[in-house]
Amino acid sequence: MSDRLINRSPDLKQLRDEGYDIEIRSGHLLVKGVPYVNAQKQLKRGTLVSKLTLANDATVKPDGHVAFFVGEYPCDQNGAPIARIHNQSEKKQLGENLIIDHTFSAKPLDGPYENYHAKMTTYVAILSGPAQVIDSAWSAKTFPVIQATEEESIFKYIDTASSRYEVAAVSAKLALERVAIIGLGGTGSYVLDLVAKTHVREIHLFDGDIFSQHNAFRSPGAPSGEELEEKLSKTVYFERIYSRMRRGVFSHPVYVDSTNVDELRGTNFVFLCLDSGNAKKLIVEKLEEFALPFADVGMGVFLTDAALGGILRVTTSTVEKREHVAGKNRIFFSDGDAHNEYNTNIQIADLNALNAALAVVKWKKLFGFYHDFENEHYSTYTIDGNKLINEDQS
């Protein structure tokens, strides 16, 4: 339970002070021990559940009137189902260790619920009223012992996006122990922006370069002139930014080479967002030796007829599918290779972001967040015509 959230939210604090057994779990509010009557006219207790709408770890007005319930379907004192609140009855996983049995709809006649105290006590009254007709001593106000423990999370404030859209259970699939991003240029910085919003425990950043003025125009965010004047390492700069939101961002202000490549051992996934060259060849060989999955990105943008064209590339390599990397030259290791059309100096922020998004989507597919029907390990996107091609299926 998040004591901080409850103490900063008058409606939640009122619920707790009045004796309700409340808990915050996976971005949802739970009221436990709610009395109800089942179809056999037996007195039971269940759990009432609602999504939480928050702003800076404090509740705001609920954005919906729907609630969920864990237990049998509630009935009146005669064992007849309470039909007026029925929406649907099916098991649904809303988050880790949170599976509900029923969805209820009790829409107020005078507009939206003002707060969670109003919403939850309305539902409690509907559910427990018949139980109290049978035995007036049955109440949802059980006055439990309050444990002052903070909800464990990699984020510094609760992830309400996953609970809002009922994808908390899917999001948990990305709670990997360790992900590395090598290279924090235009594409690498956008990869970080997307990965930072997942439940990965540790994100390790590798880049020996300085965050300079030109980087500001092809990276997420809007650095101030004062920040640019600090001449920070890219890894330090981005660690500072994303540590405002989450824990577990680690800066390694160095280029990866033979002296430190062993630091990648034990990583669950690696994003390669660096230029071609001997360093990349070494890293790829070592990642294969370590049996680690990785994705390499590339972007070839050219100027012709006073407009830009080009191709974006994502090459994925896993234990199950690697032969295409060398066998089909899906990753180039020499800057001077005449066939390498995916490594040019032109960098455009929207293309960097798209290249990053394509790589992150593939990463999420590999770990079950998205469906992956083609199992492609090589994708290209051509700007002219919006052509997306998938090859090297496993």
Protein backbone atom coordinates (compact mmCIF):
# COMPACT_ATOMS: atom_id res chain seq x y z
CA MET A 1 0.00 0.00 0.00
CA SER A 2 1.25 3.48 -0.77
CA ASP A 3 0.97 5.51 2.45
CA ARG A 4 2.22 8.56 0.59
CA LEU A 5 -0.60 8.31 -1.96
CA ILE A 6 -3.23 7.80 0.72
CA ASN A 7 -1.95 10.61 2.90
CA ARG A 8 -1.90 13.03 -0.04
CA SER A 9 -5.42 12.07 -1.19
CA PRO A 10 -8.21 13.23 1.16
CA ASP A 11 -10.74 10.80 -0.35
CA LEU A 12 -8.49 7.77 0.18
CA LYS A 13 -7.49 8.95 3.64
CA GLN A 14 -11.18 9.33 4.53
CA LEU A 15 -11.87 5.77 3.43
CA ARG A 16 -9.01 4.47 5.58
CA ASP A 17 -9.91 6.64 8.56
CA GLU A 18 -13.50 5.40 8.44
CA GLY A 19 -12.27 1.82 8.78
CA TYR A 20 -12.32 0.51 5.22
CA ASP A 21 -9.61 -2.01 4.34
CA ILE A 22 -8.04 -0.34 1.30
CA GLU A 23 -5.02 -1.24 -0.78
CA ILE A 24 -3.30 0.20 -3.85
CA ARG A 25 -2.29 -2.55 -6.28
CA SER A 26 -1.15 -2.26 -9.92
CA GLY A 27 -2.58 1.26 -10.19
CA HIS A 28 -6.00 0.23 -8.80
CA LEU A 29 -7.84 1.00 -5.58
CA LEU A 30 -9.10 -2.05 -3.69
CA VAL A 31 -11.68 -2.02 -0.89
CA LYS A 32 -11.45 -5.44 0.73
CA GLY A 33 -13.88 -7.25 3.00
CA VAL A 34 -17.07 -5.85 1.46
CA PRO A 35 -20.09 -7.88 2.70
CA TYR A 36 -22.56 -9.28 0.17
CA VAL A 37 -25.14 -12.05 -0.22
CA ASN A 38 -24.62 -14.86 -2.73
CA ALA A 39 -27.25 -16.84 -4.66
CA GLN A 40 -27.57 -19.29 -1.75
CA LYS A 41 -28.40 -16.37 0.58
CA GLN A 42 -25.08 -16.84 2.38
CA LEU A 43 -23.12 -13.89 3.77
CA LYS A 44 -19.80 -13.46 2.02
CA ARG A 45 -17.03 -10.88 1.71
CA GLY A 46 -15.52 -9.71 -1.57
CA THR A 47 -13.21 -7.04 -2.93
CA LEU A 48 -14.34 -3.91 -4.75
CA VAL A 49 -11.88 -2.57 -7.33
CA SER A 50 -11.58 0.71 -9.24
CA LYS A 51 -9.02 2.21 -11.59
CA LEU A 52 -7.15 5.14 -10.07
CA THR A 53 -6.82 8.52 -11.77
CA LEU A 54 -3.84 10.37 -10.33
CA ALA A 55 -1.84 13.54 -10.71
CA ASN A 56 1.60 13.59 -9.07
CA ASP A 57 0.72 10.76 -6.68
CA ALA A 58 -2.58 12.20 -5.49
CA THR A 59 -6.07 11.28 -6.64
CA VAL A 60 -8.18 13.48 -8.87
CA LYS A 61 -11.83 13.05 -9.83
CA PRO A 62 -12.50 9.50 -11.12
CA ASP A 63 -12.69 9.43 -14.92
CA GLY A 64 -15.37 6.73 -15.01
CA HIS A 65 -18.21 5.18 -13.04
CA VAL A 66 -17.36 1.51 -13.71
CA ALA A 67 -16.09 -0.69 -10.86
CA PHE A 68 -14.92 -4.29 -10.62
CA PHE A 69 -15.56 -7.05 -8.09
CA VAL A 70 -13.71 -10.11 -6.85
CA GLY A 71 -16.14 -12.74 -5.55
CA GLU A 72 -19.43 -14.41 -6.43
CA TYR A 73 -22.16 -12.35 -8.07
CA PRO A 74 -23.87 -10.25 -5.34
CA CYS A 75 -27.58 -10.76 -4.69
CA ASP A 76 -30.34 -9.28 -2.59
CA GLN A 77 -31.40 -10.80 0.71
CA ASN A 78 -33.59 -13.29 -1.16
CA GLY A 79 -30.77 -14.56 -3.35
CA ALA A 80 -31.84 -12.71 -6.51
CA PRO A 81 -28.93 -11.14 -8.49
CA ILE A 82 -28.62 -7.37 -8.21
CA ALA A 83 -29.28 -6.76 -11.90
CA ARG A 84 -29.22 -2.94 -11.94
CA ILE A 85 -25.42 -2.77 -11.66
CA HIS A 86 -24.59 -5.69 -13.96
CA ASN A 87 -22.22 -4.96 -16.83
CA GLN A 88 -20.45 -8.24 -17.51
CA SER A 89 -19.29 -11.32 -15.62
CA GLU A 90 -15.99 -12.84 -16.72
CA LYS A 91 -12.59 -13.25 -15.17
CA LYS A 92 -10.16 -10.57 -16.28
CA GLN A 93 -6.60 -9.87 -15.20
CA LEU A 94 -6.16 -6.17 -14.49
CA GLY A 95 -2.62 -6.40 -13.16
CA GLU A 96 -0.13 -8.57 -11.33
CA ASN A 97 -2.03 -10.58 -8.69
CA LEU A 98 -5.26 -8.78 -9.57
CA ILE A 99 -7.95 -10.88 -11.26
CA ILE A 100 -11.57 -9.70 -11.12
CA ASP A 101 -14.76 -11.70 -11.63
CA HIS A 102 -17.38 -9.06 -12.47
CA THR A 103 -17.69 -5.57 -13.92
CA PHE A 104 -20.35 -3.23 -12.46
CA SER A 105 -21.92 -0.02 -13.70
CA ALA A 106 -23.61 2.33 -11.24
CA LYS A 107 -23.75 5.73 -12.90
CA PRO A 108 -24.73 8.62 -10.60
CA LEU A 109 -27.85 10.53 -11.60
CA ASP A 110 -26.35 13.92 -10.75
CA GLY A 111 -23.10 13.68 -12.75
CA PRO A 112 -19.69 12.02 -12.27
CA TYR A 113 -18.46 10.84 -8.89
CA GLU A 114 -16.71 13.70 -7.13
CA ASN A 115 -14.02 11.50 -5.59
CA TYR A 116 -13.13 7.92 -4.75
CA HIS A 117 -14.78 8.07 -1.35
CA ALA A 118 -18.10 8.88 -3.02
CA LYS A 119 -17.62 6.22 -5.69
CA MET A 120 -16.54 3.36 -3.46
CA THR A 121 -19.04 4.00 -0.65
CA THR A 122 -21.86 4.09 -3.22
CA TYR A 123 -20.91 0.65 -4.47
CA VAL A 124 -20.33 -0.62 -0.91
CA ALA A 125 -23.85 0.46 0.05
CA ILE A 126 -25.36 -1.33 -2.95
CA LEU A 127 -23.45 -4.56 -2.28
CA SER A 128 -23.59 -4.69 1.52
CA GLY A 129 -27.15 -3.40 2.00
CA PRO A 130 -28.77 -6.85 1.56
CA ALA A 131 -26.13 -8.43 3.83
CA GLN A 132 -26.96 -5.98 6.60
CA VAL A 133 -30.65 -6.81 6.27
CA ILE A 134 -29.73 -10.38 7.19
CA ASP A 135 -27.18 -9.40 9.86
CA SER A 136 -26.64 -5.74 10.73
CA ALA A 137 -23.25 -6.52 12.27
CA TRP A 138 -21.75 -7.21 8.86
CA SER A 139 -19.93 -4.09 7.69
CA ALA A 140 -17.22 -3.15 5.22
CA LYS A 141 -15.63 -1.03 7.96
CA THR A 142 -13.34 -3.72 9.35
CA PHE A 143 -10.65 -1.36 10.75
CA PRO A 144 -7.63 -3.47 9.70
CA VAL A 145 -4.14 -2.98 11.07
CA ILE A 146 -2.38 -0.54 8.69
CA GLN A 147 1.08 -1.55 7.49
CA ALA A 148 3.15 1.49 6.52
CA THR A 149 4.80 -0.04 3.43
CA GLU A 150 5.44 1.66 0.10
CA GLU A 151 4.29 -0.11 -3.07
CA GLU A 152 7.35 -1.53 -4.79
CA SER A 153 7.88 0.02 -8.19
CA ILE A 154 10.74 0.96 -10.45
CA PHE A 155 8.92 4.24 -11.06
CA LYS A 156 9.01 7.16 -8.64
CA TYR A 157 5.27 7.59 -9.09
CA ILE A 158 2.66 4.94 -9.85
CA ASP A 159 2.18 3.76 -13.43
CA THR A 160 -1.48 4.69 -13.91
CA ALA A 161 -1.27 4.41 -17.71
CA SER A 162 -1.16 0.61 -17.58
CA SER A 163 -4.07 0.37 -15.16
CA ARG A 164 -6.09 3.02 -17.01
CA TYR A 165 -6.06 0.96 -20.20
CA GLU A 166 -6.13 -2.44 -18.45
CA VAL A 167 -2.72 -3.56 -19.75
CA ALA A 168 -0.88 -3.83 -16.43
CA ALA A 169 -0.58 -7.61 -16.75
CA VAL A 170 0.87 -7.26 -20.25
CA SER A 171 3.22 -4.48 -19.14
CA ALA A 172 4.63 -6.80 -16.47
CA LYS A 173 6.11 -8.94 -19.25
CA LEU A 174 8.70 -6.19 -19.78
CA ALA A 175 9.86 -6.21 -16.15
CA LEU A 176 13.24 -7.54 -17.29
CA GLU A 177 16.22 -7.34 -15.01
CA ARG A 178 18.67 -5.57 -17.35
CA VAL A 179 18.60 -3.84 -20.75
CA ALA A 180 21.54 -2.03 -22.35
CA ILE A 181 21.52 0.79 -24.90
CA ILE A 182 24.83 1.33 -26.70
CA GLY A 183 24.96 4.72 -28.37
CA LEU A 184 22.81 7.69 -27.33
CA GLY A 185 22.69 9.66 -30.54
CA GLY A 186 19.40 10.49 -32.21
CA THR A 187 18.01 6.97 -32.42
CA GLY A 188 19.50 5.67 -29.16
CA SER A 189 18.09 8.54 -27.12
CA TYR A 190 14.59 7.82 -28.45
CA VAL A 191 15.06 4.13 -27.65
CA LEU A 192 15.82 5.20 -24.08
CA ASP A 193 12.73 7.42 -23.95
CA LEU A 194 10.51 4.45 -24.87
CA VAL A 195 12.26 1.81 -22.76
CA ALA A 196 12.30 4.12 -19.71
CA LYS A 197 8.49 4.02 -19.65
CA THR A 198 8.46 0.22 -19.25
CA HIS A 199 9.03 -1.82 -16.09
CA VAL A 200 12.62 -2.83 -16.91
CA ARG A 201 14.53 -2.91 -13.61
CA GLU A 202 17.88 -1.63 -14.90
CA ILE A 203 18.69 0.39 -18.03
CA HIS A 204 22.43 0.69 -18.72
CA LEU A 205 23.57 3.51 -21.00
CA PHE A 206 26.89 3.33 -22.89
CA ASP A 207 28.33 6.27 -24.84
CA GLY A 208 31.63 8.15 -24.53
CA ASP A 209 30.44 11.30 -26.34
CA ILE A 210 29.39 14.69 -24.99
CA PHE A 211 25.81 15.97 -25.27
CA SER A 212 26.29 18.94 -27.61
CA GLN A 213 24.07 21.57 -29.16
CA HIS A 214 23.35 19.62 -32.34
CA ASN A 215 22.17 16.66 -30.22
CA ALA A 216 19.38 18.84 -28.83
CA PHE A 217 17.74 18.91 -32.25
CA ARG A 218 17.55 15.15 -32.70
CA SER A 219 16.82 13.88 -29.19
CA PRO A 220 13.72 13.85 -26.97
CA GLY A 221 13.07 16.81 -24.72
CA ALA A 222 14.15 20.44 -24.77
CA PRO A 223 17.46 21.16 -23.00
CA SER A 224 18.16 24.70 -21.87
CA GLY A 225 21.19 26.69 -22.98
CA GLU A 226 22.58 26.35 -19.48
CA GLU A 227 22.34 22.57 -19.68
CA LEU A 228 24.17 22.54 -23.00
CA GLU A 229 26.93 24.67 -21.52
CA GLU A 230 27.59 21.98 -18.90
CA LYS A 231 29.05 19.74 -21.62
CA LEU A 232 27.87 16.62 -19.87
CA SER A 233 28.46 13.12 -21.15
CA LYS A 234 25.39 11.91 -23.02
CA THR A 235 24.92 9.09 -20.53
CA VAL A 236 25.11 11.45 -17.54
CA TYR A 237 22.75 13.93 -19.21
CA PHE A 238 20.10 11.31 -19.98
CA GLU A 239 20.52 9.56 -16.63
CA ARG A 240 19.75 12.88 -14.94
CA ILE A 241 16.58 13.37 -17.00
CA TYR A 242 15.09 9.89 -16.75
CA SER A 243 16.01 9.45 -13.09
CA ARG A 244 13.37 12.08 -12.38
CA MET A 245 10.77 9.53 -13.44
CA ARG A 246 12.23 6.19 -12.47
CA ARG A 247 14.95 4.32 -10.67
CA GLY A 248 17.49 2.00 -12.27
CA VAL A 249 19.07 4.20 -14.97
CA PHE A 250 22.84 3.69 -14.96
CA SER A 251 25.38 5.87 -16.76
CA HIS A 252 28.50 4.39 -18.39
CA PRO A 253 30.23 7.38 -20.06
CA VAL A 254 32.50 5.21 -22.19
CA TYR A 255 32.55 3.62 -25.61
CA VAL A 256 32.19 -0.17 -25.57
CA ASP A 257 35.37 -1.92 -26.64
CA SER A 258 37.44 -5.00 -25.81
CA THR A 259 38.27 -3.64 -22.34
CA ASN A 260 34.68 -3.39 -21.10
CA VAL A 261 32.45 -5.46 -23.41
CA ASP A 262 32.18 -8.15 -20.72
CA GLU A 263 29.94 -5.74 -18.78
CA LEU A 264 27.16 -6.75 -21.19
CA ARG A 265 27.10 -10.32 -19.82
CA GLY A 266 23.83 -11.13 -18.11
CA THR A 267 21.89 -8.47 -19.97
CA ASN A 268 18.41 -9.52 -21.13
CA PHE A 269 18.54 -7.43 -24.31
CA VAL A 270 20.89 -4.98 -26.03
CA PHE A 271 20.02 -2.12 -28.40
CA LEU A 272 22.90 -1.24 -30.76
CA CYS A 273 22.51 2.40 -31.82
CA LEU A 274 26.08 3.23 -32.77
CA ASP A 275 27.86 3.92 -36.05
CA SER A 276 29.46 1.14 -38.02
CA GLY A 277 33.05 0.17 -37.39
CA ASN A 278 35.31 -2.26 -35.60
CA ALA A 279 33.60 -1.58 -32.27
CA LYS A 280 30.25 -2.76 -33.58
CA LYS A 281 31.81 -5.90 -35.07
CA LEU A 282 33.40 -6.74 -31.72
CA ILE A 283 30.15 -6.11 -29.83
CA VAL A 284 28.08 -8.26 -32.19
CA GLU A 285 30.57 -11.13 -31.95
CA LYS A 286 30.58 -10.92 -28.16
CA LEU A 287 26.79 -10.72 -27.88
CA GLU A 288 26.55 -13.87 -29.97
CA GLU A 289 29.18 -15.50 -27.76
CA PHE A 290 27.21 -14.47 -24.65
CA ALA A 291 24.00 -15.88 -26.23
CA LEU A 292 22.25 -12.52 -25.87
CA PRO A 293 19.44 -11.15 -28.08
CA PHE A 294 19.98 -7.73 -29.61
CA ALA A 295 18.69 -5.27 -32.20
CA ASP A 296 20.86 -3.09 -34.43
CA VAL A 297 19.44 0.06 -36.03
CA GLY A 298 20.56 1.95 -39.11
CA MET A 299 19.36 4.92 -41.11
CA GLY A 300 20.33 6.03 -44.61
CA VAL A 301 18.96 9.45 -45.54
CA PHE A 302 20.02 11.28 -48.69
CA LEU A 303 19.33 14.63 -50.33
CA THR A 304 18.02 14.57 -53.91
CA ASP A 305 15.94 17.06 -55.90
CA ALA A 306 15.85 19.42 -52.90
CA ALA A 307 14.11 16.84 -50.71
CA LEU A 308 15.14 13.99 -48.45
CA GLY A 309 14.62 10.29 -49.03
CA GLY A 310 16.00 7.17 -47.49
CA ILE A 311 15.55 3.91 -45.64
CA LEU A 312 15.44 2.92 -41.96
CA ARG A 313 16.58 -0.53 -40.84
CA VAL A 314 16.19 -2.77 -37.79
CA THR A 315 18.17 -6.01 -37.66
CA THR A 316 17.30 -8.37 -34.80
CA SER A 317 19.43 -11.28 -33.67
CA THR A 318 18.35 -13.96 -31.20
CA VAL A 319 19.65 -17.34 -30.13
CA GLU A 320 17.04 -18.90 -32.39
CA LYS A 321 17.88 -16.78 -35.44
CA ARG A 322 21.38 -15.43 -36.14
CA GLU A 323 22.61 -16.72 -39.49
CA HIS A 324 21.07 -13.83 -41.45
CA VAL A 325 23.37 -11.26 -39.79
CA ALA A 326 26.55 -12.51 -41.45
CA GLY A 327 25.03 -14.64 -44.19
CA LYS A 328 23.05 -11.77 -45.72
CA ASN A 329 25.16 -8.82 -44.49
CA ARG A 330 22.24 -7.50 -42.44
CA ILE A 331 24.66 -5.47 -40.30
CA PHE A 332 27.51 -3.50 -41.86
CA PHE A 333 30.75 -3.12 -39.94
CA SER A 334 32.75 -0.84 -42.25
CA ASP A 335 31.99 2.85 -42.74
CA GLY A 336 33.54 2.65 -46.17
CA ASP A 337 31.44 -0.27 -47.39
CA ALA A 338 29.89 0.80 -50.68
CA HIS A 339 26.84 -1.39 -50.01
CA ASN A 340 26.08 0.20 -46.65
CA GLU A 341 23.18 2.51 -47.46
CA TYR A 342 22.00 2.65 -43.84
CA ASN A 343 24.79 4.77 -42.42
CA THR A 344 24.85 8.40 -43.50
CA ASN A 345 25.45 11.65 -41.68
CA ILE A 346 21.98 13.13 -42.22
CA GLN A 347 19.94 12.78 -39.02
CA ILE A 348 16.30 13.89 -38.69
CA ALA A 349 14.53 13.71 -35.33
CA ASP A 350 11.29 12.19 -36.60
CA LEU A 351 13.19 9.48 -38.48
CA ASN A 352 15.38 8.81 -35.45
CA ALA A 353 12.21 8.45 -33.39
CA LEU A 354 10.62 6.13 -35.96
CA ASN A 355 13.75 3.99 -36.21
CA ALA A 356 13.78 3.73 -32.41
CA ALA A 357 10.08 2.88 -32.30
CA LEU A 358 10.50 0.08 -34.83
CA ALA A 359 13.32 -1.40 -32.75
CA VAL A 360 11.40 -1.11 -29.47
CA VAL A 361 8.26 -2.64 -30.99
CA LYS A 362 10.32 -5.63 -32.12
CA TRP A 363 11.86 -5.92 -28.65
CA LYS A 364 8.39 -5.92 -27.12
CA LYS A 365 7.30 -8.60 -29.57
CA LEU A 366 10.17 -10.85 -28.52
CA PHE A 367 9.06 -10.69 -24.89
CA GLY A 368 5.35 -11.22 -25.54
CA PHE A 369 4.02 -7.70 -25.13
CA TYR A 370 2.82 -7.59 -28.77
CA HIS A 371 1.65 -10.38 -31.02
CA ASP A 372 4.37 -11.49 -33.43
CA PHE A 373 2.91 -13.52 -36.27
CA GLU A 374 5.78 -13.11 -38.75
CA ASN A 375 8.75 -13.36 -36.35
CA GLU A 376 10.75 -11.12 -38.66
CA HIS A 377 14.39 -10.42 -37.79
CA TYR A 378 15.03 -7.80 -40.45
CA SER A 379 12.80 -4.83 -41.28
CA THR A 380 13.21 -1.81 -43.51
CA TYR A 381 11.07 1.27 -43.85
CA THR A 382 11.32 3.35 -47.04
CA ILE A 383 10.24 6.98 -46.64
CA ASP A 384 8.94 7.35 -50.17
CA GLY A 385 5.77 5.29 -50.28
CA ASN A 386 5.79 4.37 -46.57
CA LYS A 387 6.96 0.89 -47.55
CA LEU A 388 7.64 -1.48 -44.66
CA ILE A 389 9.30 -4.79 -45.54
CA ASN A 390 9.81 -7.72 -43.13
CA GLU A 391 12.30 -10.46 -43.92
CA ASP A 392 14.37 -13.20 -42.25
CA GLN A 393 11.50 -14.82 -40.40
CA SER A 394 12.35 -17.44 -37.80
